[in-house]
PDB file of N, CA and C in Angstrom:
ATOM      1  N   MET A   1       6.295   0.529  47.951  1.00  0.00           N
ATOM      2  CA  MET A   1       7.825   0.332  48.538  1.00  0.00           C
ATOM      3  C   MET A   1       7.477  -0.060  50.031  1.00  0.00           C
ATOM      4  N   ILE A   2       6.370   0.516  50.659  1.00  0.00           N
ATOM      5  CA  ILE A   2       6.465   0.065  52.045  1.00  0.00           C
ATOM      6  C   ILE A   2       6.358  -1.290  52.227  1.00  0.00           C
ATOM      7  N   ALA A   3       5.548  -2.002  51.126  1.00  0.00           N
ATOM      8  CA  ALA A   3       5.076  -3.506  51.290  1.00  0.00           C
ATOM      9  C   ALA A   3       6.274  -4.171  50.790  1.00  0.00           C
ATOM     10  N   GLY A   4       7.260  -3.705  50.345  1.00  0.00           N
ATOM     11  CA  GLY A   4       8.708  -4.127  50.004  1.00  0.00           C
ATOM     12  C   GLY A   4       7.945  -4.931  48.439  1.00  0.00           C
ATOM     13  N   GLU A   5       7.194  -4.103  47.677  1.00  0.00           N
ATOM     14  CA  GLU A   5       6.807  -4.553  46.523  1.00  0.00           C
ATOM     15  C   GLU A   5       7.756  -4.140  45.132  1.00  0.00           C
ATOM     16  N   ILE A   6       7.911  -3.015  45.478  1.00  0.00           N
ATOM     17  CA  ILE A   6       9.133  -2.382  44.467  1.00  0.00           C
ATOM     18  C   ILE A   6      10.080  -1.522  45.309  1.00  0.00           C
ATOM     19  N   GLU A   7      11.402  -1.286  44.509  1.00  0.00           N
ATOM     20  CA  GLU A   7      12.450  -1.003  45.249  1.00  0.00           C
ATOM     21  C   GLU A   7      12.175   0.643  44.760  1.00  0.00           C
ATOM     22  N   THR A   8      12.016   1.012  43.788  1.00  0.00           N
ATOM     23  CA  THR A   8      11.841   2.487  43.250  1.00  0.00           C
ATOM     24  C   THR A   8      10.767   2.890  42.515  1.00  0.00           C
ATOM     25  N   LEU A   9      10.435   4.283  42.642  1.00  0.00           N
ATOM     26  CA  LEU A   9       9.138   4.595  41.880  1.00  0.00           C
ATOM     27  C   LEU A   9       9.526   4.937  40.780  1.00  0.00           C
ATOM     28  N   PRO A  10       8.348   4.700  39.619  1.00  0.00           N
ATOM     29  CA  PRO A  10       8.722   4.864  38.268  1.00  0.00           C
ATOM     30  C   PRO A  10       9.546   6.373  38.140  1.00  0.00           C
ATOM     31  N   SER A  11      10.350   6.821  37.228  1.00  0.00           N
ATOM     32  CA  SER A  11      10.798   8.251  37.124  1.00  0.00           C
ATOM     33  C   SER A  11      10.603   8.525  35.736  1.00  0.00           C
ATOM     34  N   PHE A  12       9.349   9.355  35.318  1.00  0.00           N
ATOM     35  CA  PHE A  12       9.004   9.297  34.125  1.00  0.00           C
ATOM     36  C   PHE A  12       9.901  10.404  33.548  1.00  0.00           C
ATOM     37  N   GLU A  13      10.170  11.576  34.274  1.00  0.00           N
ATOM     38  CA  GLU A  13      10.962  12.412  33.692  1.00  0.00           C
ATOM     39  C   GLU A  13      11.867  12.232  32.915  1.00  0.00           C
ATOM     40  N   LYS A  14      12.773  11.324  33.142  1.00  0.00           N
ATOM     41  CA  LYS A  14      14.011  10.487  32.668  1.00  0.00           C
ATOM     42  C   LYS A  14      13.748   9.875  31.322  1.00  0.00           C
ATOM     43  N   THR A  15      12.506   9.732  31.137  1.00  0.00           N
ATOM     44  CA  THR A  15      12.375   8.856  29.568  1.00  0.00           C
ATOM     45  C   THR A  15      11.241  10.019  28.744  1.00  0.00           C
ATOM     46  N   LEU A  16      10.581  11.233  28.905  1.00  0.00           N
ATOM     47  CA  LEU A  16      10.084  12.019  28.359  1.00  0.00           C
ATOM     48  C   LEU A  16      10.986  12.845  27.389  1.00  0.00           C
ATOM     49  N   SER A  17      10.822  12.608  26.183  1.00  0.00           N
ATOM     50  CA  SER A  17      11.661  13.587  25.079  1.00  0.00           C
ATOM     51  C   SER A  17      10.777  13.617  23.648  1.00  0.00           C
ATOM     52  N   LEU A  18      11.165  14.436  23.157  1.00  0.00           N
ATOM     53  CA  LEU A  18      10.519  14.428  21.575  1.00  0.00           C
ATOM     54  C   LEU A  18      11.239  13.537  20.952  1.00  0.00           C
ATOM     55  N   GLY A  19      12.221  13.018  21.224  1.00  0.00           N
ATOM     56  CA  GLY A  19      13.053  11.843  20.363  1.00  0.00           C
ATOM     57  C   GLY A  19      14.447  11.885  20.824  1.00  0.00           C
ATOM     58  N   PRO A  20      15.329  10.974  20.234  1.00  0.00           N
ATOM     59  CA  PRO A  20      16.569  10.732  20.383  1.00  0.00           C
ATOM     60  C   PRO A  20      17.589  11.834  19.763  1.00  0.00           C
ATOM     61  N   SER A  21      18.609  11.596  20.300  1.00  0.00           N
ATOM     62  CA  SER A  21      19.832  12.611  19.590  1.00  0.00           C
ATOM     63  C   SER A  21      19.501  14.289  19.589  1.00  0.00           C
ATOM     64  N   ILE A  22      19.145  14.663  18.360  1.00  0.00           N
ATOM     65  CA  ILE A  22      19.185  16.083  18.363  1.00  0.00           C
ATOM     66  C   ILE A  22      17.526  16.351  18.640  1.00  0.00           C
ATOM     67  N   PHE A  23      16.927  15.793  18.993  1.00  0.00           N
ATOM     68  CA  PHE A  23      15.514  16.086  19.694  1.00  0.00           C
ATOM     69  C   PHE A  23      15.462  15.993  20.999  1.00  0.00           C
ATOM     70  N   SER A  24      16.410  15.487  21.590  1.00  0.00           N
ATOM     71  CA  SER A  24      16.558  14.862  23.050  1.00  0.00           C
ATOM     72  C   SER A  24      16.715  16.446  24.196  1.00  0.00           C
ATOM     73  N   PRO A  25      16.212  16.419  25.310  1.00  0.00           N
ATOM     74  CA  PRO A  25      16.515  17.291  26.050  1.00  0.00           C
ATOM     75  C   PRO A  25      18.449  18.142  26.007  1.00  0.00           C
ATOM     76  N   SER A  26      19.015  17.246  25.402  1.00  0.00           N
ATOM     77  CA  SER A  26      20.651  17.549  25.525  1.00  0.00           C
ATOM     78  C   SER A  26      20.854  18.253  23.979  1.00  0.00           C
ATOM     79  N   SER A  27      19.951  18.320  23.313  1.00  0.00           N
ATOM     80  CA  SER A  27      19.940  18.859  21.946  1.00  0.00           C
ATOM     81  C   SER A  27      20.796  20.038  21.870  1.00  0.00           C
ATOM     82  N   PRO A  28      21.523  20.210  20.712  1.00  0.00           N
ATOM     83  CA  PRO A  28      22.527  21.605  20.722  1.00  0.00           C
ATOM     84  C   PRO A  28      21.639  22.704  20.540  1.00  0.00           C
ATOM     85  N   PHE A  29      20.212  22.583  20.001  1.00  0.00           N
ATOM     86  CA  PHE A  29      19.185  23.699  19.830  1.00  0.00           C
ATOM     87  C   PHE A  29      18.795  23.904  20.846  1.00  0.00           C
ATOM     88  N   THR A  30      18.698  25.138  21.100  1.00  0.00           N
ATOM     89  CA  THR A  30      17.769  25.678  22.351  1.00  0.00           C
ATOM     90  C   THR A  30      16.149  25.603  22.386  1.00  0.00           C
ATOM     91  N   ILE A  31      15.722  25.791  21.179  1.00  0.00           N
ATOM     92  CA  ILE A  31      14.040  25.622  20.752  1.00  0.00           C
ATOM     93  C   ILE A  31      14.018  24.408  21.201  1.00  0.00           C
ATOM     94  N   ILE A  32      14.571  23.263  21.052  1.00  0.00           N
ATOM     95  CA  ILE A  32      14.618  21.662  21.076  1.00  0.00           C
ATOM     96  C   ILE A  32      14.406  21.424  22.211  1.00  0.00           C
ATOM     97  N   LYS A  33      15.410  22.216  23.299  1.00  0.00           N
ATOM     98  CA  LYS A  33      15.328  22.147  24.795  1.00  0.00           C
ATOM     99  C   LYS A  33      14.325  22.802  25.383  1.00  0.00           C
ATOM    100  N   VAL A  34      13.878  23.724  24.802  1.00  0.00           N
ATOM    101  CA  VAL A  34      12.745  24.417  25.566  1.00  0.00           C
ATOM    102  C   VAL A  34      11.500  23.542  25.502  1.00  0.00           C
ATOM    103  N   ILE A  35      11.187  23.060  24.169  1.00  0.00           N
ATOM    104  CA  ILE A  35      10.035  22.003  23.859  1.00  0.00           C
ATOM    105  C   ILE A  35      10.044  21.126  24.771  1.00  0.00           C
ATOM    106  N   ASN A  36      11.494  20.427  25.074  1.00  0.00           N
ATOM    107  CA  ASN A  36      11.195  19.289  25.893  1.00  0.00           C
ATOM    108  C   ASN A  36      11.167  19.475  27.469  1.00  0.00           C
ATOM    109  N   ALA A  37      11.388  20.627  27.748  1.00  0.00           N
ATOM    110  CA  ALA A  37      11.144  21.126  29.100  1.00  0.00           C
ATOM    111  C   ALA A  37      10.045  21.382  29.392  1.00  0.00           C
ATOM    112  N   PHE A  38       9.172  22.366  28.447  1.00  0.00           N
ATOM    113  CA  PHE A  38       7.859  22.761  28.597  1.00  0.00           C
ATOM    114  C   PHE A  38       6.687  21.669  28.532  1.00  0.00           C
ATOM    115  N   GLY A  39       7.394  20.805  27.374  1.00  0.00           N
ATOM    116  CA  GLY A  39       6.790  19.176  27.000  1.00  0.00           C
ATOM    117  C   GLY A  39       6.569  18.499  28.281  1.00  0.00           C
ATOM    118  N   ALA A  40       7.852  18.276  29.011  1.00  0.00           N
ATOM    119  CA  ALA A  40       7.373  17.388  30.134  1.00  0.00           C
ATOM    120  C   ALA A  40       6.751  18.400  31.110  1.00  0.00           C
ATOM    121  N   MET A  41       6.594  19.491  31.582  1.00  0.00           N
ATOM    122  CA  MET A  41       5.974  19.869  32.324  1.00  0.00           C
ATOM    123  C   MET A  41       4.422  19.986  31.943  1.00  0.00           C
ATOM    124  N   ALA A  42       4.007  19.908  30.746  1.00  0.00           N
ATOM    125  CA  ALA A  42       2.750  19.648  30.097  1.00  0.00           C
ATOM    126  C   ALA A  42       2.358  18.478  30.017  1.00  0.00           C
ATOM    127  N   TRP A  43       3.417  17.331  30.160  1.00  0.00           N
ATOM    128  CA  TRP A  43       3.002  15.918  30.336  1.00  0.00           C
ATOM    129  C   TRP A  43       2.553  15.714  31.648  1.00  0.00           C
ATOM    130  N   PHE A  44       3.253  16.252  32.788  1.00  0.00           N
ATOM    131  CA  PHE A  44       2.698  15.921  34.263  1.00  0.00           C
ATOM    132  C   PHE A  44       1.374  16.733  34.551  1.00  0.00           C
ATOM    133  N   TYR A  45       1.224  18.018  33.778  1.00  0.00           N
ATOM    134  CA  TYR A  45       0.112  18.558  34.074  1.00  0.00           C
ATOM    135  C   TYR A  45      -1.149  17.736  33.544  1.00  0.00           C
ATOM    136  N   GLN A  46      -0.663  17.169  32.237  1.00  0.00           N
ATOM    137  CA  GLN A  46      -2.120  16.447  31.566  1.00  0.00           C
ATOM    138  C   GLN A  46      -2.211  15.151  32.412  1.00  0.00           C
ATOM    139  N   GLN A  47      -1.496  14.551  33.206  1.00  0.00           N
ATOM    140  CA  GLN A  47      -1.657  13.524  33.946  1.00  0.00           C
ATOM    141  C   GLN A  47      -2.488  13.738  35.085  1.00  0.00           C
ATOM    142  N   ILE A  48      -1.994  14.918  35.914  1.00  0.00           N
ATOM    143  CA  ILE A  48      -2.721  15.644  36.884  1.00  0.00           C
ATOM    144  C   ILE A  48      -4.245  15.951  36.768  1.00  0.00           C
ATOM    145  N   LYS A  49      -4.636  16.613  35.379  1.00  0.00           N
ATOM    146  CA  LYS A  49      -5.701  17.019  34.950  1.00  0.00           C
ATOM    147  C   LYS A  49      -6.607  15.514  34.796  1.00  0.00           C
ATOM    148  N   ASN A  50      -5.961  14.474  34.167  1.00  0.00           N
ATOM    149  CA  ASN A  50      -6.532  13.089  33.918  1.00  0.00           C
ATOM    150  C   ASN A  50      -7.245  12.534  35.390  1.00  0.00           C
ATOM    151  N   MET A  51      -6.038  12.653  36.337  1.00  0.00           N
ATOM    152  CA  MET A  51      -6.793  12.385  37.692  1.00  0.00           C
ATOM    153  C   MET A  51      -7.718  13.120  38.600  1.00  0.00           C
ATOM    154  N   ALA A  52      -7.710  14.572  38.077  1.00  0.00           N
ATOM    155  CA  ALA A  52      -8.531  15.359  38.680  1.00  0.00           C
ATOM    156  C   ALA A  52     -10.135  15.083  37.896  1.00  0.00           C
ATOM    157  N   ASN A  53      -9.958  14.720  36.947  1.00  0.00           N
ATOM    158  CA  ASN A  53     -11.358  14.179  36.135  1.00  0.00           C
ATOM    159  C   ASN A  53     -11.748  12.637  36.539  1.00  0.00           C
ATOM    160  N   GLY A  54     -10.990  12.177  37.326  1.00  0.00           N
ATOM    161  CA  GLY A  54     -11.448  11.078  37.831  1.00  0.00           C
ATOM    162  C   GLY A  54     -10.929   9.772  37.057  1.00  0.00           C
ATOM    163  N   LEU A  55      -9.696  10.018  35.757  1.00  0.00           N
ATOM    164  CA  LEU A  55      -9.323   9.024  35.017  1.00  0.00           C
ATOM    165  C   LEU A  55      -8.010   8.337  35.643  1.00  0.00           C
ATOM    166  N   MET A  56      -7.410   7.559  35.089  1.00  0.00           N
ATOM    167  CA  MET A  56      -6.239   7.209  35.404  1.00  0.00           C
ATOM    168  C   MET A  56      -4.988   8.175  34.459  1.00  0.00           C
ATOM    169  N   PRO A  57      -3.831   7.975  34.925  1.00  0.00           N
ATOM    170  CA  PRO A  57      -2.760   8.853  34.067  1.00  0.00           C
ATOM    171  C   PRO A  57      -2.470   8.091  32.850  1.00  0.00           C
ATOM    172  N   ASN A  58      -2.330   8.947  31.790  1.00  0.00           N
ATOM    173  CA  ASN A  58      -1.756   8.277  30.672  1.00  0.00           C
ATOM    174  C   ASN A  58      -0.535   8.331  30.323  1.00  0.00           C
ATOM    175  N   HIS A  59      -0.034   7.107  30.639  1.00  0.00           N
ATOM    176  CA  HIS A  59       1.616   6.828  30.657  1.00  0.00           C
ATOM    177  C   HIS A  59       2.044   6.644  29.091  1.00  0.00           C
ATOM    178  N   GLU A  60       1.363   6.482  28.451  1.00  0.00           N
ATOM    179  CA  GLU A  60       1.757   6.324  27.087  1.00  0.00           C
ATOM    180  C   GLU A  60       1.743   7.699  26.144  1.00  0.00           C
ATOM    181  N   GLN A  61       1.028   8.776  26.728  1.00  0.00           N
ATOM    182  CA  GLN A  61       0.663   9.970  26.081  1.00  0.00           C
ATOM    183  C   GLN A  61       2.384  10.322  25.629  1.00  0.00           C
ATOM    184  N   LYS A  62       2.545  10.791  24.442  1.00  0.00           N
ATOM    185  CA  LYS A  62       3.836  11.362  23.695  1.00  0.00           C
ATOM    186  C   LYS A  62       3.715  13.049  24.558  1.00  0.00           C
ATOM    187  N   LEU A  63       5.147  13.393  24.507  1.00  0.00           N
ATOM    188  CA  LEU A  63       5.261  14.696  24.737  1.00  0.00           C
ATOM    189  C   LEU A  63       4.701  15.680  24.408  1.00  0.00           C
ATOM    190  N   PHE A  64       5.119  15.567  22.820  1.00  0.00           N
ATOM    191  CA  PHE A  64       4.619  16.535  22.038  1.00  0.00           C
ATOM    192  C   PHE A  64       2.989  16.820  22.094  1.00  0.00           C
ATOM    193  N   ASN A  65       2.559  15.697  22.451  1.00  0.00           N
ATOM    194  CA  ASN A  65       0.792  15.639  22.347  1.00  0.00           C
ATOM    195  C   ASN A  65       0.567  16.367  23.567  1.00  0.00           C
ATOM    196  N   ALA A  66       1.046  16.084  24.370  1.00  0.00           N
ATOM    197  CA  ALA A  66       0.969  16.789  26.021  1.00  0.00           C
ATOM    198  C   ALA A  66       1.162  18.122  26.005  1.00  0.00           C
ATOM    199  N   PHE A  67       2.301  18.416  25.141  1.00  0.00           N
ATOM    200  CA  PHE A  67       2.553  20.159  24.936  1.00  0.00           C
ATOM    201  C   PHE A  67       1.785  20.678  24.361  1.00  0.00           C
ATOM    202  N   ARG A  68       0.717  20.074  23.133  1.00  0.00           N
ATOM    203  CA  ARG A  68       0.094  20.711  22.319  1.00  0.00           C
ATOM    204  C   ARG A  68      -1.372  20.604  22.944  1.00  0.00           C
ATOM    205  N   ALA A  69      -1.857  19.828  23.950  1.00  0.00           N
ATOM    206  CA  ALA A  69      -3.141  19.779  24.765  1.00  0.00           C
ATOM    207  C   ALA A  69      -3.033  20.674  25.816  1.00  0.00           C
ATOM    208  N   ASP A  70      -1.960  21.093  26.583  1.00  0.00           N
ATOM    209  CA  ASP A  70      -1.610  22.023  27.691  1.00  0.00           C
ATOM    210  C   ASP A  70      -2.072  23.332  26.913  1.00  0.00           C
ATOM    211  N   MET A  71      -1.150  23.577  25.681  1.00  0.00           N
ATOM    212  CA  MET A  71      -1.270  24.908  25.327  1.00  0.00           C
ATOM    213  C   MET A  71      -2.830  25.238  24.862  1.00  0.00           C
ATOM    214  N   LYS A  72      -3.523  24.181  24.472  1.00  0.00           N
ATOM    215  CA  LYS A  72      -4.999  24.472  23.738  1.00  0.00           C
ATOM    216  C   LYS A  72      -5.576  24.836  25.001  1.00  0.00           C
ATOM    217  N   ALA A  73      -5.434  23.927  26.014  1.00  0.00           N
ATOM    218  CA  ALA A  73      -6.353  24.094  27.192  1.00  0.00           C
ATOM    219  C   ALA A  73      -6.052  25.534  27.770  1.00  0.00           C
ATOM    220  N   ASP A  74      -4.405  26.033  27.647  1.00  0.00           N
ATOM    221  CA  ASP A  74      -4.238  27.485  28.536  1.00  0.00           C
ATOM    222  C   ASP A  74      -4.952  28.365  27.501  1.00  0.00           C
ATOM    223  N   LYS A  75      -4.910  28.237  26.530  1.00  0.00           N
ATOM    224  CA  LYS A  75      -5.713  29.422  25.205  1.00  0.00           C
ATOM    225  C   LYS A  75      -7.147  29.278  25.547  1.00  0.00           C
ATOM    226  N   LEU A  76      -7.786  28.404  25.689  1.00  0.00           N
ATOM    227  CA  LEU A  76      -9.155  28.277  25.834  1.00  0.00           C
ATOM    228  C   LEU A  76      -9.488  28.862  26.960  1.00  0.00           C
ATOM    229  N   ALA A  77      -8.640  28.562  28.382  1.00  0.00           N
ATOM    230  CA  ALA A  77      -8.876  29.214  29.753  1.00  0.00           C
ATOM    231  C   ALA A  77      -8.920  30.496  29.467  1.00  0.00           C
ATOM    232  N   ILE A  78      -7.910  31.199  28.940  1.00  0.00           N
ATOM    233  CA  ILE A  78      -7.701  32.633  28.693  1.00  0.00           C
ATOM    234  C   ILE A  78      -8.926  33.398  27.848  1.00  0.00           C
ATOM    235  N   LYS A  79      -9.556  32.596  27.126  1.00  0.00           N
ATOM    236  CA  LYS A  79     -10.329  33.121  26.031  1.00  0.00           C
ATOM    237  C   LYS A  79     -11.444  33.097  27.077  1.00  0.00           C
ATOM    238  N   ASP A  80     -11.913  32.207  27.755  1.00  0.00           N
ATOM    239  CA  ASP A  80     -12.800  32.070  28.696  1.00  0.00           C
ATOM    240  C   ASP A  80     -13.293  33.332  29.878  1.00  0.00           C
ATOM    241  N   TYR A  81     -11.612  33.585  30.403  1.00  0.00           N
ATOM    242  CA  TYR A  81     -11.610  34.257  31.069  1.00  0.00           C
ATOM    243  C   TYR A  81     -11.665  35.782  30.642  1.00  0.00           C
ATOM    244  N   LEU A  82     -11.426  36.162  29.413  1.00  0.00           N
ATOM    245  CA  LEU A  82     -11.753  37.257  28.848  1.00  0.00           C
ATOM    246  C   LEU A  82     -13.039  37.616  28.538  1.00  0.00           C
ATOM    247  N   ASP A  83     -13.504  36.554  27.831  1.00  0.00           N
ATOM    248  CA  ASP A  83     -14.987  36.915  27.915  1.00  0.00           C
ATOM    249  C   ASP A  83     -15.842  36.962  28.925  1.00  0.00           C
ATOM    250  N   ASN A  84     -15.445  36.777  30.079  1.00  0.00           N
ATOM    251  CA  ASN A  84     -16.417  36.792  31.592  1.00  0.00           C
ATOM    252  C   ASN A  84     -16.102  37.524  31.972  1.00  0.00           C
ATOM    253  N   ASN A  85     -14.822  38.368  32.097  1.00  0.00           N
ATOM    254  CA  ASN A  85     -14.383  39.481  32.930  1.00  0.00           C
ATOM    255  C   ASN A  85     -14.346  40.948  32.288  1.00  0.00           C
TER     256      ASN A  85
END
């Protein structure tokens, strides 16, 4: 942006969704809205974790896969904490 090469930064949160229509963040079903919201957060967490591990962000990662990976990591972290405290 400073060098004038791009006008705006990418906005991934606008494209993250379980799918179109009833699977979108504007779904009439609350559970779908919740999964979309938590899935988007998980997607960003996964990208931050990738960068923390010296990897590039995976912009191709699907929202639900990120959600599942983040839930698995949280579950392992809780188990590790309980086993060691």
